[in-house]
N, C-alpha and C. Protein backbone atom coordinates (compact mmCIF):
# COMPACT_ATOMS: atom_id res chain seq x y z
N MET A 1 -28.80 -0.76 -8.59
CA MET A 1 -27.40 -1.52 -7.46
C MET A 1 -26.41 -1.72 -8.16
N SER A 2 -25.04 -1.57 -7.65
CA SER A 2 -24.19 -1.78 -8.64
C SER A 2 -23.79 -3.45 -8.48
N ILE A 3 -22.83 -3.63 -9.16
CA ILE A 3 -22.15 -4.97 -9.16
C ILE A 3 -21.61 -5.42 -7.68
N LEU A 4 -20.85 -4.28 -7.38
CA LEU A 4 -20.14 -4.44 -6.10
C LEU A 4 -21.20 -4.85 -4.99
N LYS A 5 -22.05 -4.05 -4.79
CA LYS A 5 -23.54 -4.19 -4.04
C LYS A 5 -23.74 -5.59 -3.93
N ASP A 6 -23.93 -6.07 -5.43
CA ASP A 6 -24.80 -7.44 -5.93
C ASP A 6 -23.95 -8.51 -5.02
N ILE A 7 -22.42 -8.37 -5.13
CA ILE A 7 -21.66 -9.44 -4.91
C ILE A 7 -21.61 -8.99 -2.99
N ARG A 8 -21.39 -7.99 -2.55
CA ARG A 8 -21.68 -8.11 -1.14
C ARG A 8 -22.90 -8.62 -0.53
N ASN A 9 -23.92 -8.58 -1.12
CA ASN A 9 -25.24 -9.01 -0.81
C ASN A 9 -25.26 -10.78 -1.01
N GLY A 10 -24.29 -11.42 -1.92
CA GLY A 10 -24.50 -12.63 -2.13
C GLY A 10 -25.24 -12.95 -3.23
N LEU A 11 -25.39 -11.90 -3.97
CA LEU A 11 -26.24 -12.26 -5.25
C LEU A 11 -25.67 -13.26 -6.26
N HIS A 12 -24.31 -13.25 -6.19
CA HIS A 12 -23.54 -14.07 -7.33
C HIS A 12 -22.58 -14.96 -6.77
N ASP A 13 -22.98 -15.31 -5.47
CA ASP A 13 -21.75 -16.51 -4.62
C ASP A 13 -21.66 -17.70 -5.79
N GLU A 14 -22.43 -18.14 -6.46
CA GLU A 14 -22.28 -19.41 -7.21
C GLU A 14 -21.23 -18.82 -8.53
N PHE A 15 -20.89 -17.56 -8.49
CA PHE A 15 -20.01 -17.21 -9.61
C PHE A 15 -18.77 -16.48 -9.09
N LEU A 16 -18.45 -16.64 -7.96
CA LEU A 16 -17.39 -15.89 -7.30
C LEU A 16 -15.85 -16.29 -7.87
N GLU A 17 -15.59 -17.58 -7.97
CA GLU A 17 -14.54 -17.98 -8.62
C GLU A 17 -14.53 -17.51 -10.08
N GLU A 18 -15.29 -17.38 -10.51
CA GLU A 18 -15.48 -17.00 -12.12
C GLU A 18 -15.17 -15.71 -12.14
N ILE A 19 -15.86 -15.04 -11.24
CA ILE A 19 -15.62 -13.59 -11.14
C ILE A 19 -14.30 -12.89 -11.08
N GLN A 20 -13.56 -13.93 -10.12
CA GLN A 20 -12.20 -13.70 -9.70
C GLN A 20 -11.37 -14.30 -10.85
N ARG A 21 -11.49 -14.86 -11.65
CA ARG A 21 -10.76 -15.48 -12.98
C ARG A 21 -10.86 -14.06 -13.95
N GLU A 22 -12.01 -13.60 -14.15
CA GLU A 22 -12.29 -12.67 -15.18
C GLU A 22 -11.65 -11.54 -14.52
N VAL A 23 -11.46 -10.97 -13.07
CA VAL A 23 -10.92 -9.90 -12.79
C VAL A 23 -9.58 -10.04 -13.24
N GLN A 24 -8.78 -11.08 -12.48
CA GLN A 24 -7.45 -11.45 -12.91
C GLN A 24 -6.73 -11.36 -14.58
N GLN A 25 -7.65 -11.75 -15.19
CA GLN A 25 -7.68 -11.62 -16.88
C GLN A 25 -7.55 -10.28 -17.27
N ARG A 26 -8.56 -9.49 -16.45
CA ARG A 26 -8.64 -8.27 -16.96
C ARG A 26 -7.52 -7.34 -16.65
N ARG A 27 -6.92 -7.59 -15.27
CA ARG A 27 -6.00 -6.72 -14.89
C ARG A 27 -4.68 -7.03 -15.78
N GLN A 28 -4.46 -8.57 -16.43
CA GLN A 28 -3.50 -8.70 -17.05
C GLN A 28 -3.42 -7.92 -18.35
N VAL A 29 -4.84 -7.71 -18.91
CA VAL A 29 -5.18 -6.93 -20.06
C VAL A 29 -4.44 -5.63 -19.74
N LEU A 30 -5.07 -5.08 -18.74
CA LEU A 30 -4.51 -3.55 -18.48
C LEU A 30 -2.95 -3.60 -18.27
N GLY A 31 -2.33 -4.43 -17.68
CA GLY A 31 -1.08 -4.55 -17.58
C GLY A 31 -0.53 -4.42 -19.01
N ARG A 32 -0.65 -5.42 -19.99
CA ARG A 32 0.02 -5.47 -21.02
C ARG A 32 -0.30 -4.08 -21.67
N MET A 33 -1.45 -3.11 -21.58
CA MET A 33 -1.66 -2.09 -22.26
C MET A 33 -0.67 -0.98 -21.31
N GLN A 34 -0.74 -0.85 -20.25
CA GLN A 34 0.08 -0.10 -19.52
C GLN A 34 1.80 -0.26 -19.63
N PHE A 35 1.96 -1.77 -20.25
CA PHE A 35 3.46 -1.77 -20.49
C PHE A 35 3.79 -1.33 -22.14
N ALA A 36 2.47 -1.62 -22.87
CA ALA A 36 2.99 -1.00 -24.23
C ALA A 36 3.00 0.45 -24.31
N GLY A 37 2.30 1.21 -23.24
CA GLY A 37 1.99 2.55 -23.62
C GLY A 37 3.18 3.42 -22.88
N LEU A 38 4.18 2.67 -22.06
CA LEU A 38 5.20 3.36 -21.31
C LEU A 38 6.75 3.23 -22.13
N ALA A 39 7.16 3.97 -22.46
CA ALA A 39 8.51 3.77 -23.04
C ALA A 39 9.66 4.46 -22.36
N VAL A 40 11.03 4.12 -22.50
CA VAL A 40 12.21 4.49 -21.83
C VAL A 40 12.15 5.91 -21.59
N GLY A 41 12.21 6.35 -20.48
CA GLY A 41 12.22 7.86 -20.11
C GLY A 41 10.99 8.41 -19.68
N SER A 42 9.89 7.40 -19.55
CA SER A 42 8.44 7.64 -19.01
C SER A 42 8.94 7.70 -17.43
N ARG A 43 8.11 8.71 -16.94
CA ARG A 43 8.18 9.01 -15.54
C ARG A 43 6.64 8.43 -14.92
N VAL A 44 7.06 7.61 -13.78
CA VAL A 44 5.99 6.49 -13.33
C VAL A 44 6.07 7.19 -11.60
N ARG A 45 4.73 6.42 -11.10
CA ARG A 45 4.88 6.60 -9.62
C ARG A 45 4.05 5.30 -9.33
N PHE A 46 4.54 4.63 -8.13
CA PHE A 46 4.06 3.23 -7.90
C PHE A 46 2.61 3.64 -7.52
N ILE A 47 1.69 2.73 -7.55
CA ILE A 47 0.33 2.93 -7.17
C ILE A 47 0.12 2.42 -5.53
N GLN A 48 -0.97 3.01 -4.90
CA GLN A 48 -1.25 2.80 -3.54
C GLN A 48 -1.44 1.35 -3.00
N THR A 49 -1.54 0.33 -3.65
CA THR A 49 -1.81 -0.93 -3.31
C THR A 49 -0.44 -1.85 -3.18
N ILE A 50 0.70 -1.39 -3.71
CA ILE A 50 1.84 -2.08 -3.84
C ILE A 50 2.48 -2.25 -2.74
N ARG A 51 3.17 -3.83 -2.66
CA ARG A 51 3.74 -3.96 -1.52
C ARG A 51 5.30 -4.47 -1.82
N PRO A 52 6.35 -3.95 -1.14
CA PRO A 52 5.92 -3.26 0.32
C PRO A 52 5.57 -1.97 0.30
N THR A 53 4.79 -1.75 1.49
CA THR A 53 4.00 -0.25 1.38
C THR A 53 4.94 0.81 1.48
N TYR A 54 6.08 0.71 1.49
CA TYR A 54 6.96 1.86 1.38
C TYR A 54 7.26 2.38 0.04
N LEU A 55 7.01 1.58 -0.78
CA LEU A 55 6.93 1.99 -2.27
C LEU A 55 5.90 2.65 -3.00
N ARG A 56 4.82 2.71 -2.04
CA ARG A 56 3.64 3.69 -2.21
C ARG A 56 3.71 4.97 -2.74
N GLY A 57 3.66 5.49 -3.71
CA GLY A 57 3.60 6.93 -3.98
C GLY A 57 5.16 7.11 -4.31
N MET A 58 6.22 6.42 -4.54
CA MET A 58 7.53 6.55 -4.85
C MET A 58 7.62 6.87 -6.48
N GLU A 59 8.34 7.62 -6.81
CA GLU A 59 8.45 8.20 -8.34
C GLU A 59 9.70 7.46 -9.04
N ALA A 60 9.61 7.08 -10.19
CA ALA A 60 10.89 6.41 -10.88
C ALA A 60 10.71 6.82 -12.18
N THR A 61 11.90 6.53 -12.75
CA THR A 61 12.08 6.53 -14.32
C THR A 61 11.99 5.23 -14.99
N VAL A 62 11.35 5.09 -16.05
CA VAL A 62 11.49 3.54 -16.75
C VAL A 62 12.98 3.83 -17.42
N VAL A 63 13.51 2.63 -17.07
CA VAL A 63 15.20 2.76 -17.98
C VAL A 63 15.18 1.69 -18.96
N GLY A 64 14.16 0.81 -18.97
CA GLY A 64 14.30 -0.49 -19.92
C GLY A 64 12.88 -1.22 -19.85
N LYS A 65 12.65 -2.29 -20.65
CA LYS A 65 11.75 -3.03 -20.75
C LYS A 65 12.17 -4.60 -20.77
N LYS A 66 11.83 -5.23 -19.99
CA LYS A 66 12.35 -6.93 -20.14
C LYS A 66 11.13 -7.69 -20.12
N VAL A 67 10.80 -8.26 -21.31
CA VAL A 67 10.02 -9.34 -21.45
C VAL A 67 8.55 -8.75 -21.28
N SER A 68 7.96 -8.99 -19.95
CA SER A 68 6.65 -8.57 -19.52
C SER A 68 6.83 -7.35 -18.46
N LYS A 69 7.94 -7.23 -18.05
CA LYS A 69 7.93 -6.06 -17.00
C LYS A 69 8.99 -4.96 -17.28
N LEU A 70 8.81 -3.64 -16.68
CA LEU A 70 9.60 -2.55 -16.81
C LEU A 70 10.66 -2.76 -15.74
N VAL A 71 11.71 -1.99 -16.26
CA VAL A 71 12.89 -1.84 -15.30
C VAL A 71 12.74 -0.14 -14.96
N VAL A 72 12.68 0.10 -13.98
CA VAL A 72 12.55 1.54 -13.16
C VAL A 72 13.85 1.66 -12.39
N ARG A 73 14.08 3.08 -12.36
CA ARG A 73 14.91 3.70 -11.40
C ARG A 73 14.21 4.46 -10.58
N LEU A 74 14.33 4.22 -9.31
CA LEU A 74 13.76 5.04 -8.26
C LEU A 74 14.38 6.33 -7.98
N ASP A 75 13.68 7.45 -7.78
CA ASP A 75 14.34 8.70 -7.90
C ASP A 75 15.32 8.87 -6.64
N GLN A 76 14.66 8.18 -5.51
CA GLN A 76 15.50 8.18 -4.33
C GLN A 76 15.53 6.55 -3.78
N PRO A 77 16.68 6.34 -3.30
CA PRO A 77 16.61 4.63 -2.69
C PRO A 77 15.67 4.59 -1.31
N VAL A 78 14.88 3.68 -1.35
CA VAL A 78 14.12 3.19 -0.21
C VAL A 78 14.10 1.64 0.01
N GLY A 79 14.14 1.52 1.30
CA GLY A 79 14.20 0.33 1.74
C GLY A 79 15.23 -0.52 1.36
N ARG A 80 14.92 -1.72 0.58
CA ARG A 80 15.81 -2.41 0.14
C ARG A 80 16.17 -2.38 -1.32
N PHE A 81 15.66 -1.55 -1.97
CA PHE A 81 15.44 -0.77 -3.17
C PHE A 81 16.67 0.24 -3.45
N ARG A 82 17.82 -0.20 -4.24
CA ARG A 82 18.94 0.87 -4.30
C ARG A 82 19.15 1.11 -5.94
N GLY A 83 18.87 0.27 -6.94
CA GLY A 83 19.41 0.55 -8.05
C GLY A 83 18.02 0.23 -9.03
N ASP A 84 18.10 -0.24 -9.96
CA ASP A 84 17.28 -0.54 -11.35
C ASP A 84 16.39 -1.67 -10.70
N ILE A 85 15.24 -1.59 -10.62
CA ILE A 85 14.21 -2.53 -10.13
C ILE A 85 13.27 -2.87 -11.34
N ARG A 86 12.99 -4.36 -11.42
CA ARG A 86 11.62 -5.03 -12.35
C ARG A 86 10.55 -4.84 -11.63
N VAL A 87 9.51 -4.55 -12.41
CA VAL A 87 8.05 -4.16 -11.59
C VAL A 87 7.12 -4.43 -13.01
N PRO A 88 6.07 -5.27 -12.61
CA PRO A 88 4.90 -5.42 -13.73
C PRO A 88 4.25 -3.81 -13.80
N ALA A 89 3.94 -3.47 -15.02
CA ALA A 89 3.52 -2.29 -15.41
C ALA A 89 2.33 -1.96 -14.81
N ALA A 90 1.31 -2.99 -14.44
CA ALA A 90 0.32 -3.00 -13.50
C ALA A 90 0.58 -2.12 -12.32
N LEU A 91 1.58 -2.08 -11.65
CA LEU A 91 1.98 -1.41 -10.35
C LEU A 91 2.16 -0.01 -10.62
N VAL A 92 2.74 0.41 -11.53
CA VAL A 92 2.93 2.01 -11.60
C VAL A 92 1.99 2.25 -12.42
N GLU A 93 1.45 3.75 -12.50
CA GLU A 93 0.90 4.63 -12.96
C GLU A 93 1.90 5.80 -13.77
N PRO A 94 1.43 6.02 -14.97
CA PRO A 94 2.23 7.27 -15.52
C PRO A 94 2.10 8.44 -15.17
N MET A 95 3.04 9.31 -14.89
CA MET A 95 3.08 10.65 -14.16
C MET A 95 2.49 11.50 -14.86
N ASP A 96 2.80 11.23 -16.32
CA ASP A 96 2.42 12.35 -17.28
C ASP A 96 1.05 12.84 -17.48
N HIS A 97 0.25 11.88 -17.00
CA HIS A 97 -0.99 11.94 -17.22
C HIS A 97 -2.02 12.20 -15.72
N ILE A 98 -1.19 12.57 -14.71
CA ILE A 98 -1.50 12.79 -13.51
C ILE A 98 -1.44 14.04 -12.82
N ILE A 99 -2.51 14.66 -12.46
CA ILE A 99 -2.30 16.06 -11.56
C ILE A 99 -2.44 15.68 -9.78
N ASP A 100 -1.44 15.79 -9.23
CA ASP A 100 -1.41 15.49 -7.98
C ASP A 100 -2.14 16.75 -7.15
N THR A 101 -3.40 16.65 -6.54
CA THR A 101 -3.90 17.43 -5.70
C THR A 101 -4.01 16.93 -4.32
N PRO A 102 -3.74 17.55 -3.17
CA PRO A 102 -3.74 16.95 -1.90
C PRO A 102 -5.22 16.14 -1.73
N GLY A 103 -4.79 14.88 -1.33
CA GLY A 103 -5.91 13.85 -1.17
C GLY A 103 -6.86 13.43 -2.52
N VAL A 104 -6.33 14.11 -3.72
CA VAL A 104 -6.99 13.58 -4.90
C VAL A 104 -6.06 13.33 -5.99
N MET A 105 -6.65 12.09 -6.63
CA MET A 105 -5.61 11.81 -7.97
C MET A 105 -6.48 12.02 -9.30
N LYS A 106 -6.17 12.81 -10.03
CA LYS A 106 -6.88 12.73 -11.08
C LYS A 106 -6.39 12.48 -12.43
N ASN A 107 -6.64 11.52 -13.42
CA ASN A 107 -6.46 11.51 -14.73
C ASN A 107 -6.61 12.63 -15.75
N VAL A 108 -5.73 13.10 -16.51
CA VAL A 108 -6.05 14.23 -17.41
C VAL A 108 -5.57 13.97 -18.47
N THR A 109 -6.15 14.69 -19.55
CA THR A 109 -5.50 14.18 -21.02
C THR A 109 -4.44 15.40 -21.49
N PRO A 110 -3.48 14.65 -21.77
CA PRO A 110 -2.14 15.62 -22.08
C PRO A 110 -2.57 16.60 -23.26
N ARG A 111 -2.18 17.59 -23.23
CA ARG A 111 -2.69 18.60 -24.56
C ARG A 111 -1.40 18.79 -25.33
């Protein structure tokens, strides 16, 4: 049985707040790793859970790094976003490691 099934079935109810804190901390670590791995000029795509939803899948180029956020420039203006925008690194994924197949996203190792 998976941990997700265990949670759905109430097996860890007494630990839900602790689990939530750990997940949040893990996301922060992953975001810092993502931030460190992206450089000015890197191509990125907004993840599918970002809000506003019209940013989902939009492509951009990293044009700067400010403290803990990336500064990206969208390939095409969308919604209220026209110029450079600051975004947490966890909300984008590097495009140079992704093959886009209809309906499938795969991470691949660069050659």
